[in-house]
Amino acid sequence: QFELAYGSLPIANGTLISVPAPRDIAYVQGFGIGGQA
């Protein structure tokens, strides 16, 4: 869903994509980032 929200490939390094999750919180994933992000 992060790729689809960004709308093209590849996703630029240093980008954090956020998409809606239940109860108005968010699913997130960082691209070109190490660790938990």
Full PDB file with SEQRES, HELIX, SHEET, SSBOND, CRYST1, ORIGX, SCALE, CONECT and MASTER records, all heavy atoms in Angstrom:
SEQRES   1 A   37  GLN PHE GLU LEU ALA TYR GLY SER LEU PRO ILE ALA ASN          
SEQRES   2 A   37  GLY THR LEU ILE SER VAL PRO ALA PRO ARG ASP ILE ALA          
SEQRES   3 A   37  TYR VAL GLN GLY PHE GLY ILE GLY GLY GLN ALA                  
HELIX    1 AA1 PHE A    2  TYR A    6  1                                   5    
HELIX    2 AA2 PRO A   22  ASP A   24  5                                   3    
SHEET    1 AA1 2 THR A  15  ALA A  21  0                                        
SHEET    2 AA1 2 ILE A  25  PHE A  31 -1                                        
CRYST1    1.000    1.000    1.000  90.00  90.00  90.00 P 1           1          
ORIGX1      1.000000  0.000000  0.000000        0.00000                         
ORIGX2      0.000000  1.000000  0.000000        0.00000                         
ORIGX3      0.000000  0.000000  1.000000        0.00000                         
SCALE1      1.000000  0.000000  0.000000        0.00000                         
SCALE2      0.000000  1.000000  0.000000        0.00000                         
SCALE3      0.000000  0.000000  1.000000        0.00000                         
ATOM      1  N   GLN A   1       0.829  -1.200   0.000  1.00  0.00           N  
ATOM      2  CA  GLN A   1       0.000   0.000   0.000  1.00  0.00           C  
ATOM      3  C   GLN A   1       0.867   1.254   0.000  1.00  0.00           C  
ATOM      4  O   GLN A   1       0.451   2.308  -0.478  1.00  0.00           O  
ATOM      5  CB  GLN A   1      -0.919  -0.008   1.219  1.00  0.00           C  
ATOM      6  CG  GLN A   1      -2.298   0.559   0.963  1.00  0.00           C  
ATOM      7  CD  GLN A   1      -3.073  -0.249  -0.068  1.00  0.00           C  
ATOM      8  OE1 GLN A   1      -3.016  -1.474  -0.045  1.00  0.00           O  
ATOM      9  NE2 GLN A   1      -3.791   0.421  -0.942  1.00  0.00           N  
ATOM     10  N   PHE A   2       2.099   1.134   0.505  1.00  0.00           N  
ATOM     11  CA  PHE A   2       3.012   2.277   0.506  1.00  0.00           C  
ATOM     12  C   PHE A   2       3.457   2.597  -0.923  1.00  0.00           C  
ATOM     13  O   PHE A   2       3.530   3.760  -1.325  1.00  0.00           O  
ATOM     14  CB  PHE A   2       4.218   1.989   1.395  1.00  0.00           C  
ATOM     15  CG  PHE A   2       3.834   1.544   2.787  1.00  0.00           C  
ATOM     16  CD1 PHE A   2       3.969   0.222   3.173  1.00  0.00           C  
ATOM     17  CD2 PHE A   2       3.302   2.450   3.701  1.00  0.00           C  
ATOM     18  CE1 PHE A   2       3.607  -0.191   4.445  1.00  0.00           C  
ATOM     19  CE2 PHE A   2       2.933   2.047   4.981  1.00  0.00           C  
ATOM     20  CZ  PHE A   2       3.085   0.724   5.345  1.00  0.00           C  
ATOM     21  N   GLU A   3       3.752   1.567  -1.703  1.00  0.00           N  
ATOM     22  CA  GLU A   3       4.108   1.782  -3.102  1.00  0.00           C  
ATOM     23  C   GLU A   3       2.938   2.384  -3.877  1.00  0.00           C  
ATOM     24  O   GLU A   3       3.110   3.319  -4.669  1.00  0.00           O  
ATOM     25  CB  GLU A   3       4.533   0.456  -3.741  1.00  0.00           C  
ATOM     26  CG  GLU A   3       5.835  -0.097  -3.208  1.00  0.00           C  
ATOM     27  CD  GLU A   3       6.134  -1.489  -3.731  1.00  0.00           C  
ATOM     28  OE1 GLU A   3       5.224  -2.346  -3.737  1.00  0.00           O  
ATOM     29  OE2 GLU A   3       7.285  -1.717  -4.135  1.00  0.00           O  
ATOM     30  N   LEU A   4       1.742   1.859  -3.629  1.00  0.00           N  
ATOM     31  CA  LEU A   4       0.567   2.351  -4.344  1.00  0.00           C  
ATOM     32  C   LEU A   4       0.260   3.800  -3.967  1.00  0.00           C  
ATOM     33  O   LEU A   4      -0.125   4.605  -4.815  1.00  0.00           O  
ATOM     34  CB  LEU A   4      -0.635   1.463  -4.038  1.00  0.00           C  
ATOM     35  CG  LEU A   4      -0.552   0.040  -4.605  1.00  0.00           C  
ATOM     36  CD1 LEU A   4      -1.660  -0.829  -4.021  1.00  0.00           C  
ATOM     37  CD2 LEU A   4      -0.644   0.059  -6.119  1.00  0.00           C  
ATOM     38  N   ALA A   5       0.445   4.153  -2.697  1.00  0.00           N  
ATOM     39  CA  ALA A   5       0.193   5.523  -2.272  1.00  0.00           C  
ATOM     40  C   ALA A   5       1.201   6.486  -2.887  1.00  0.00           C  
ATOM     41  O   ALA A   5       0.867   7.616  -3.244  1.00  0.00           O  
ATOM     42  CB  ALA A   5       0.230   5.610  -0.750  1.00  0.00           C  
ATOM     43  N   TYR A   6       2.446   6.051  -3.032  1.00  0.00           N  
ATOM     44  CA  TYR A   6       3.479   6.888  -3.651  1.00  0.00           C  
ATOM     45  C   TYR A   6       3.190   7.075  -5.135  1.00  0.00           C  
ATOM     46  O   TYR A   6       3.409   8.134  -5.702  1.00  0.00           O  
ATOM     47  CB  TYR A   6       4.844   6.242  -3.441  1.00  0.00           C  
ATOM     48  CG  TYR A   6       6.016   7.121  -3.820  1.00  0.00           C  
ATOM     49  CD1 TYR A   6       6.404   8.184  -3.002  1.00  0.00           C  
ATOM     50  CD2 TYR A   6       6.756   6.875  -4.974  1.00  0.00           C  
ATOM     51  CE1 TYR A   6       7.491   8.974  -3.331  1.00  0.00           C  
ATOM     52  CE2 TYR A   6       7.834   7.655  -5.314  1.00  0.00           C  
ATOM     53  CZ  TYR A   6       8.201   8.704  -4.486  1.00  0.00           C  
ATOM     54  OH  TYR A   6       9.281   9.497  -4.817  1.00  0.00           O  
ATOM     55  N   GLY A   7       2.729   6.003  -5.786  1.00  0.00           N  
ATOM     56  CA  GLY A   7       2.235   6.110  -7.149  1.00  0.00           C  
ATOM     57  C   GLY A   7       3.210   5.811  -8.255  1.00  0.00           C  
ATOM     58  O   GLY A   7       2.837   5.840  -9.426  1.00  0.00           O  
ATOM     59  N   SER A   8       4.460   5.512  -7.914  1.00  0.00           N  
ATOM     60  CA  SER A   8       5.439   5.165  -8.940  1.00  0.00           C  
ATOM     61  C   SER A   8       6.578   4.408  -8.287  1.00  0.00           C  
ATOM     62  O   SER A   8       6.708   4.378  -7.063  1.00  0.00           O  
ATOM     63  CB  SER A   8       5.971   6.416  -9.663  1.00  0.00           C  
ATOM     64  OG  SER A   8       6.654   7.265  -8.766  1.00  0.00           O  
ATOM     65  N   LEU A   9       7.431   3.808  -9.121  1.00  0.00           N  
ATOM     66  CA  LEU A   9       8.589   3.053  -8.626  1.00  0.00           C  
ATOM     67  C   LEU A   9       9.854   3.586  -9.287  1.00  0.00           C  
ATOM     68  O   LEU A   9       9.832   3.975 -10.450  1.00  0.00           O  
ATOM     69  CB  LEU A   9       8.427   1.565  -8.954  1.00  0.00           C  
ATOM     70  CG  LEU A   9       7.262   0.846  -8.271  1.00  0.00           C  
ATOM     71  CD1 LEU A   9       7.108  -0.564  -8.836  1.00  0.00           C  
ATOM     72  CD2 LEU A   9       7.471   0.790  -6.766  1.00  0.00           C  
ATOM     73  N   PRO A  10      10.984   3.582  -8.551  1.00  0.00           N  
ATOM     74  CA  PRO A  10      11.099   3.243  -7.130  1.00  0.00           C  
ATOM     75  C   PRO A  10      10.714   4.428  -6.250  1.00  0.00           C  
ATOM     76  O   PRO A  10      10.636   5.560  -6.727  1.00  0.00           O  
ATOM     77  CB  PRO A  10      12.584   2.911  -6.988  1.00  0.00           C  
ATOM     78  CG  PRO A  10      13.253   3.823  -7.979  1.00  0.00           C  
ATOM     79  CD  PRO A  10      12.307   3.890  -9.163  1.00  0.00           C  
ATOM     80  N   ILE A  11      10.501   4.167  -4.966  1.00  0.00           N  
ATOM     81  CA  ILE A  11      10.234   5.242  -4.013  1.00  0.00           C  
ATOM     82  C   ILE A  11      11.559   5.889  -3.645  1.00  0.00           C  
ATOM     83  O   ILE A  11      12.545   5.204  -3.370  1.00  0.00           O  
ATOM     84  CB  ILE A  11       9.528   4.696  -2.762  1.00  0.00           C  
ATOM     85  CG1 ILE A  11       8.144   4.142  -3.151  1.00  0.00           C  
ATOM     86  CG2 ILE A  11       9.374   5.773  -1.696  1.00  0.00           C  
ATOM     87  CD1 ILE A  11       7.381   3.534  -2.001  1.00  0.00           C  
ATOM     88  N   ALA A  12      11.596   7.211  -3.657  1.00  0.00           N  
ATOM     89  CA  ALA A  12      12.838   7.937  -3.391  1.00  0.00           C  
ATOM     90  C   ALA A  12      13.359   7.639  -1.989  1.00  0.00           C  
ATOM     91  O   ALA A  12      12.592   7.581  -1.019  1.00  0.00           O  
ATOM     92  CB  ALA A  12      12.605   9.433  -3.557  1.00  0.00           C  
ATOM     93  N   ASN A  13      14.670   7.442  -1.883  1.00  0.00           N  
ATOM     94  CA  ASN A  13      15.292   7.233  -0.577  1.00  0.00           C  
ATOM     95  C   ASN A  13      15.017   8.426   0.336  1.00  0.00           C  
ATOM     96  O   ASN A  13      14.968   9.571  -0.114  1.00  0.00           O  
ATOM     97  CB  ASN A  13      16.797   7.045  -0.732  1.00  0.00           C  
ATOM     98  CG  ASN A  13      17.158   5.685  -1.289  1.00  0.00           C  
ATOM     99  OD1 ASN A  13      16.323   4.782  -1.343  1.00  0.00           O  
ATOM    100  ND2 ASN A  13      18.396   5.523  -1.717  1.00  0.00           N  
ATOM    101  N   GLY A  14      14.847   8.140   1.613  1.00  0.00           N  
ATOM    102  CA  GLY A  14      14.588   9.204   2.569  1.00  0.00           C  
ATOM    103  C   GLY A  14      13.140   9.625   2.631  1.00  0.00           C  
ATOM    104  O   GLY A  14      12.827  10.715   3.115  1.00  0.00           O  
ATOM    105  N   THR A  15      12.233   8.767   2.139  1.00  0.00           N  
ATOM    106  CA  THR A  15      10.808   9.069   2.153  1.00  0.00           C  
ATOM    107  C   THR A  15      10.095   8.141   3.129  1.00  0.00           C  
ATOM    108  O   THR A  15      10.313   6.933   3.115  1.00  0.00           O  
ATOM    109  CB  THR A  15      10.193   8.894   0.754  1.00  0.00           C  
ATOM    110  OG1 THR A  15      10.876   9.725  -0.175  1.00  0.00           O  
ATOM    111  CG2 THR A  15       8.719   9.269   0.762  1.00  0.00           C  
ATOM    112  N   LEU A  16       9.268   8.726   3.969  1.00  0.00           N  
ATOM    113  CA  LEU A  16       8.410   7.950   4.865  1.00  0.00           C  
ATOM    114  C   LEU A  16       6.989   8.071   4.344  1.00  0.00           C  
ATOM    115  O   LEU A  16       6.450   9.179   4.228  1.00  0.00           O  
ATOM    116  CB  LEU A  16       8.490   8.475   6.300  1.00  0.00           C  
ATOM    117  CG  LEU A  16       7.712   7.643   7.329  1.00  0.00           C  
ATOM    118  CD1 LEU A  16       8.526   6.429   7.754  1.00  0.00           C  
ATOM    119  CD2 LEU A  16       7.352   8.468   8.555  1.00  0.00           C  
ATOM    120  N   ILE A  17       6.382   6.931   3.986  1.00  0.00           N  
ATOM    121  CA  ILE A  17       5.014   6.913   3.475  1.00  0.00           C  
ATOM    122  C   ILE A  17       4.074   6.533   4.616  1.00  0.00           C  
ATOM    123  O   ILE A  17       4.335   5.588   5.363  1.00  0.00           O  
ATOM    124  CB  ILE A  17       4.852   5.908   2.327  1.00  0.00           C  
ATOM    125  CG1 ILE A  17       5.865   6.178   1.213  1.00  0.00           C  
ATOM    126  CG2 ILE A  17       3.428   5.947   1.779  1.00  0.00           C  
ATOM    127  CD1 ILE A  17       5.672   7.480   0.501  1.00  0.00           C  
ATOM    128  N   SER A  18       2.969   7.277   4.735  1.00  0.00           N  
ATOM    129  CA  SER A  18       1.969   7.025   5.773  1.00  0.00           C  
ATOM    130  C   SER A  18       0.613   6.785   5.122  1.00  0.00           C  
ATOM    131  O   SER A  18       0.172   7.575   4.283  1.00  0.00           O  
ATOM    132  CB  SER A  18       1.881   8.232   6.717  1.00  0.00           C  
ATOM    133  OG  SER A  18       0.824   8.080   7.655  1.00  0.00           O  
ATOM    134  N   VAL A  19      -0.030   5.686   5.487  1.00  0.00           N  
ATOM    135  CA  VAL A  19      -1.368   5.381   4.971  1.00  0.00           C  
ATOM    136  C   VAL A  19      -2.303   5.152   6.152  1.00  0.00           C  
ATOM    137  O   VAL A  19      -1.867   4.775   7.238  1.00  0.00           O  
ATOM    138  CB  VAL A  19      -1.351   4.144   4.033  1.00  0.00           C  
ATOM    139  CG1 VAL A  19      -0.482   4.403   2.815  1.00  0.00           C  
ATOM    140  CG2 VAL A  19      -0.864   2.909   4.768  1.00  0.00           C  
ATOM    141  N   PRO A  20      -3.605   5.387   5.953  1.00  0.00           N  
ATOM    142  CA  PRO A  20      -4.544   5.298   7.088  1.00  0.00           C  
ATOM    143  C   PRO A  20      -4.634   3.892   7.663  1.00  0.00           C  
ATOM    144  O   PRO A  20      -4.603   2.894   6.940  1.00  0.00           O  
ATOM    145  CB  PRO A  20      -5.881   5.721   6.469  1.00  0.00           C  
ATOM    146  CG  PRO A  20      -5.533   6.486   5.249  1.00  0.00           C  
ATOM    147  CD  PRO A  20      -4.266   5.863   4.731  1.00  0.00           C  
ATOM    148  N   ALA A  21      -4.751   3.836   8.974  1.00  0.00           N  
ATOM    149  CA  ALA A  21      -4.989   2.600   9.713  1.00  0.00           C  
ATOM    150  C   ALA A  21      -6.260   2.799  10.539  1.00  0.00           C  
ATOM    151  O   ALA A  21      -6.765   3.918  10.649  1.00  0.00           O  
ATOM    152  CB  ALA A  21      -3.797   2.279  10.615  1.00  0.00           C  
ATOM    153  N   PRO A  22      -6.802   1.727  11.114  1.00  0.00           N  
ATOM    154  CA  PRO A  22      -8.017   1.878  11.921  1.00  0.00           C  
ATOM    155  C   PRO A  22      -7.847   2.901  13.045  1.00  0.00           C  
ATOM    156  O   PRO A  22      -6.752   3.139  13.534  1.00  0.00           O  
ATOM    157  CB  PRO A  22      -8.235   0.465  12.480  1.00  0.00           C  
ATOM    158  CG  PRO A  22      -7.569  -0.438  11.494  1.00  0.00           C  
ATOM    159  CD  PRO A  22      -6.378   0.323  11.003  1.00  0.00           C  
ATOM    160  N   ARG A  23      -8.948   3.523  13.428  1.00  0.00           N  
ATOM    161  CA  ARG A  23      -9.007   4.494  14.530  1.00  0.00           C  
ATOM    162  C   ARG A  23      -8.138   5.719  14.270  1.00  0.00           C  
ATOM    163  O   ARG A  23      -7.570   6.306  15.187  1.00  0.00           O  
ATOM    164  CB  ARG A  23      -8.639   3.825  15.862  1.00  0.00           C  
ATOM    165  CG  ARG A  23      -9.673   2.757  16.286  1.00  0.00           C  
ATOM    166  CD  ARG A  23      -9.273   2.065  17.568  1.00  0.00           C  
ATOM    167  NE  ARG A  23      -8.133   1.186  17.379  1.00  0.00           N  
ATOM    168  CZ  ARG A  23      -8.203  -0.039  16.886  1.00  0.00           C  
ATOM    169  NH1 ARG A  23      -9.380  -0.548  16.528  1.00  0.00           N  
ATOM    170  NH2 ARG A  23      -7.119  -0.778  16.756  1.00  0.00           N  
ATOM    171  N   ASP A  24      -8.018   6.102  12.984  1.00  0.00           N  
ATOM    172  CA  ASP A  24      -7.334   7.323  12.565  1.00  0.00           C  
ATOM    173  C   ASP A  24      -5.863   7.348  12.956  1.00  0.00           C  
ATOM    174  O   ASP A  24      -5.272   8.412  13.129  1.00  0.00           O  
ATOM    175  CB  ASP A  24      -8.038   8.568  13.106  1.00  0.00           C  
ATOM    176  CG  ASP A  24      -7.617   9.835  12.361  1.00  0.00           C  
ATOM    177  OD1 ASP A  24      -7.385   9.744  11.135  1.00  0.00           O  
ATOM    178  OD2 ASP A  24      -7.515  10.902  12.996  1.00  0.00           O  
ATOM    179  N   ILE A  25      -5.253   6.183  13.121  1.00  0.00           N  
ATOM    180  CA  ILE A  25      -3.804   6.162  13.283  1.00  0.00           C  
ATOM    181  C   ILE A  25      -3.192   5.832  11.925  1.00  0.00           C  
ATOM    182  O   ILE A  25      -3.818   6.043  10.898  1.00  0.00           O  
ATOM    183  CB  ILE A  25      -3.365   5.214  14.422  1.00  0.00           C  
ATOM    184  CG1 ILE A  25      -3.894   3.802  14.206  1.00  0.00           C  
ATOM    185  CG2 ILE A  25      -3.839   5.752  15.755  1.00  0.00           C  
ATOM    186  CD1 ILE A  25      -3.421   2.851  15.295  1.00  0.00           C  
ATOM    187  N   ALA A  26      -1.961   5.364  11.873  1.00  0.00           N  
ATOM    188  CA  ALA A  26      -1.294   5.252  10.577  1.00  0.00           C  
ATOM    189  C   ALA A  26      -0.401   4.021  10.498  1.00  0.00           C  
ATOM    190  O   ALA A  26       0.202   3.597  11.491  1.00  0.00           O  
ATOM    191  CB  ALA A  26      -0.462   6.503  10.306  1.00  0.00           C  
ATOM    192  N   TYR A  27      -0.342   3.457   9.281  1.00  0.00           N  
ATOM    193  CA  TYR A  27       0.716   2.517   8.928  1.00  0.00           C  
ATOM    194  C   TYR A  27       1.808   3.326   8.237  1.00  0.00           C  
ATOM    195  O   TYR A  27       1.519   4.145   7.347  1.00  0.00           O  
ATOM    196  CB  TYR A  27       0.215   1.462   7.942  1.00  0.00           C  
ATOM    197  CG  TYR A  27      -0.887   0.565   8.432  1.00  0.00           C  
ATOM    198  CD1 TYR A  27      -2.148   0.601   7.838  1.00  0.00           C  
ATOM    199  CD2 TYR A  27      -0.675  -0.341   9.470  1.00  0.00           C  
ATOM    200  CE1 TYR A  27      -3.166  -0.241   8.254  1.00  0.00           C  
ATOM    201  CE2 TYR A  27      -1.691  -1.192   9.896  1.00  0.00           C  
ATOM    202  CZ  TYR A  27      -2.932  -1.136   9.290  1.00  0.00           C  
ATOM    203  OH  TYR A  27      -3.937  -1.967   9.717  1.00  0.00           O  
ATOM    204  N   VAL A  28       3.055   3.110   8.619  1.00  0.00           N  
ATOM    205  CA  VAL A  28       4.150   3.850   7.994  1.00  0.00           C  
ATOM    206  C   VAL A  28       5.273   2.914   7.603  1.00  0.00           C  
ATOM    207  O   VAL A  28       5.458   1.841   8.194  1.00  0.00           O  
ATOM    208  CB  VAL A  28       4.716   4.953   8.925  1.00  0.00           C  
ATOM    209  CG1 VAL A  28       3.650   5.992   9.248  1.00  0.00           C  
ATOM    210  CG2 VAL A  28       5.288   4.362  10.204  1.00  0.00           C  
ATOM    211  N   GLN A  29       6.023   3.317   6.595  1.00  0.00           N  
ATOM    212  CA  GLN A  29       7.246   2.617   6.233  1.00  0.00           C  
ATOM    213  C   GLN A  29       8.195   3.615   5.592  1.00  0.00           C  
ATOM    214  O   GLN A  29       7.793   4.432   4.758  1.00  0.00           O  
ATOM    215  CB  GLN A  29       6.996   1.463   5.270  1.00  0.00           C  
ATOM    216  CG  GLN A  29       8.275   0.674   4.948  1.00  0.00           C  
ATOM    217  CD  GLN A  29       8.017  -0.586   4.147  1.00  0.00           C  
ATOM    218  OE1 GLN A  29       6.872  -0.913   3.828  1.00  0.00           O  
ATOM    219  NE2 GLN A  29       9.064  -1.303   3.816  1.00  0.00           N  
ATOM    220  N   GLY A  30       9.465   3.550   5.993  1.00  0.00           N  
ATOM    221  CA  GLY A  30      10.493   4.403   5.424  1.00  0.00           C  
ATOM    222  C   GLY A  30      11.263   3.675   4.340  1.00  0.00           C  
ATOM    223  O   GLY A  30      11.474   2.463   4.415  1.00  0.00           O  
ATOM    224  N   PHE A  31      11.697   4.408   3.334  1.00  0.00           N  
ATOM    225  CA  PHE A  31      12.444   3.829   2.219  1.00  0.00           C  
ATOM    226  C   PHE A  31      13.829   4.461   2.148  1.00  0.00           C  
ATOM    227  O   PHE A  31      13.978   5.667   2.247  1.00  0.00           O  
ATOM    228  CB  PHE A  31      11.669   4.030   0.912  1.00  0.00           C  
ATOM    229  CG  PHE A  31      10.400   3.225   0.875  1.00  0.00           C  
ATOM    230  CD1 PHE A  31       9.247   3.693   1.491  1.00  0.00           C  
ATOM    231  CD2 PHE A  31      10.373   1.971   0.278  1.00  0.00           C  
ATOM    232  CE1 PHE A  31       8.085   2.942   1.496  1.00  0.00           C  
ATOM    233  CE2 PHE A  31       9.214   1.208   0.281  1.00  0.00           C  
ATOM    234  CZ  PHE A  31       8.072   1.702   0.886  1.00  0.00           C  
ATOM    235  N   GLY A  32      14.841   3.590   1.993  1.00  0.00           N  
ATOM    236  CA  GLY A  32      16.214   4.049   2.024  1.00  0.00           C  
ATOM    237  C   GLY A  32      16.659   4.413   3.422  1.00  0.00           C  
ATOM    238  O   GLY A  32      17.547   5.242   3.611  1.00  0.00           O  
ATOM    239  N   ILE A  33      16.037   3.784   4.423  1.00  0.00           N  
ATOM    240  CA  ILE A  33      16.326   4.066   5.824  1.00  0.00           C  
ATOM    241  C   ILE A  33      16.586   2.745   6.530  1.00  0.00           C  
ATOM    242  O   ILE A  33      15.905   1.760   6.284  1.00  0.00           O  
ATOM    243  CB  ILE A  33      15.124   4.757   6.508  1.00  0.00           C  
ATOM    244  CG1 ILE A  33      14.617   5.919   5.655  1.00  0.00           C  
ATOM    245  CG2 ILE A  33      15.478   5.232   7.906  1.00  0.00           C  
ATOM    246  CD1 ILE A  33      13.240   6.370   6.050  1.00  0.00           C  
ATOM    247  N   GLY A  34      17.548   2.742   7.406  1.00  0.00           N  
ATOM    248  CA  GLY A  34      17.825   1.522   8.151  1.00  0.00           C  
ATOM    249  C   GLY A  34      17.001   1.435   9.421  1.00  0.00           C  
ATOM    250  O   GLY A  34      16.203   2.320   9.737  1.00  0.00           O  
ATOM    251  N   GLY A  35      17.204   0.359  10.163  1.00  0.00           N  
ATOM    252  CA  GLY A  35      16.574   0.192  11.461  1.00  0.00           C  
ATOM    253  C   GLY A  35      15.072   0.019  11.395  1.00  0.00           C  
ATOM    254  O   GLY A  35      14.494  -0.383  10.392  1.00  0.00           O  
ATOM    255  N   GLN A  36      14.406   0.386  12.512  1.00  0.00           N  
ATOM    256  CA  GLN A  36      12.963   0.197  12.625  1.00  0.00           C  
ATOM    257  C   GLN A  36      12.187   1.012  11.600  1.00  0.00           C  
ATOM    258  O   GLN A  36      11.107   0.620  11.177  1.00  0.00           O  
ATOM    259  CB  GLN A  36      12.504   0.586  14.037  1.00  0.00           C  
ATOM    260  CG  GLN A  36      12.962  -0.360  15.127  1.00  0.00           C  
ATOM    261  CD  GLN A  36      12.286  -1.712  15.028  1.00  0.00           C  
ATOM    262  OE1 GLN A  36      11.131  -1.805  14.648  1.00  0.00           O  
ATOM    263  NE2 GLN A  36      13.007  -2.763  15.366  1.00  0.00           N  
ATOM    264  N   ALA A  37      12.724   2.169  11.192  1.00  0.00           N  
ATOM    265  CA  ALA A  37      12.000   3.034  10.262  1.00  0.00           C  
ATOM    266  C   ALA A  37      11.795   2.377   8.910  1.00  0.00           C  
ATOM    267  O   ALA A  37      10.891   2.736   8.170  1.00  0.00           O  
ATOM    268  CB  ALA A  37      12.738   4.361  10.084  1.00  0.00           C  
TER     269      ALA A  37                                                      
MASTER        0    0    0    2    2    0    0    6  268    1    0    3          
END                                                                             
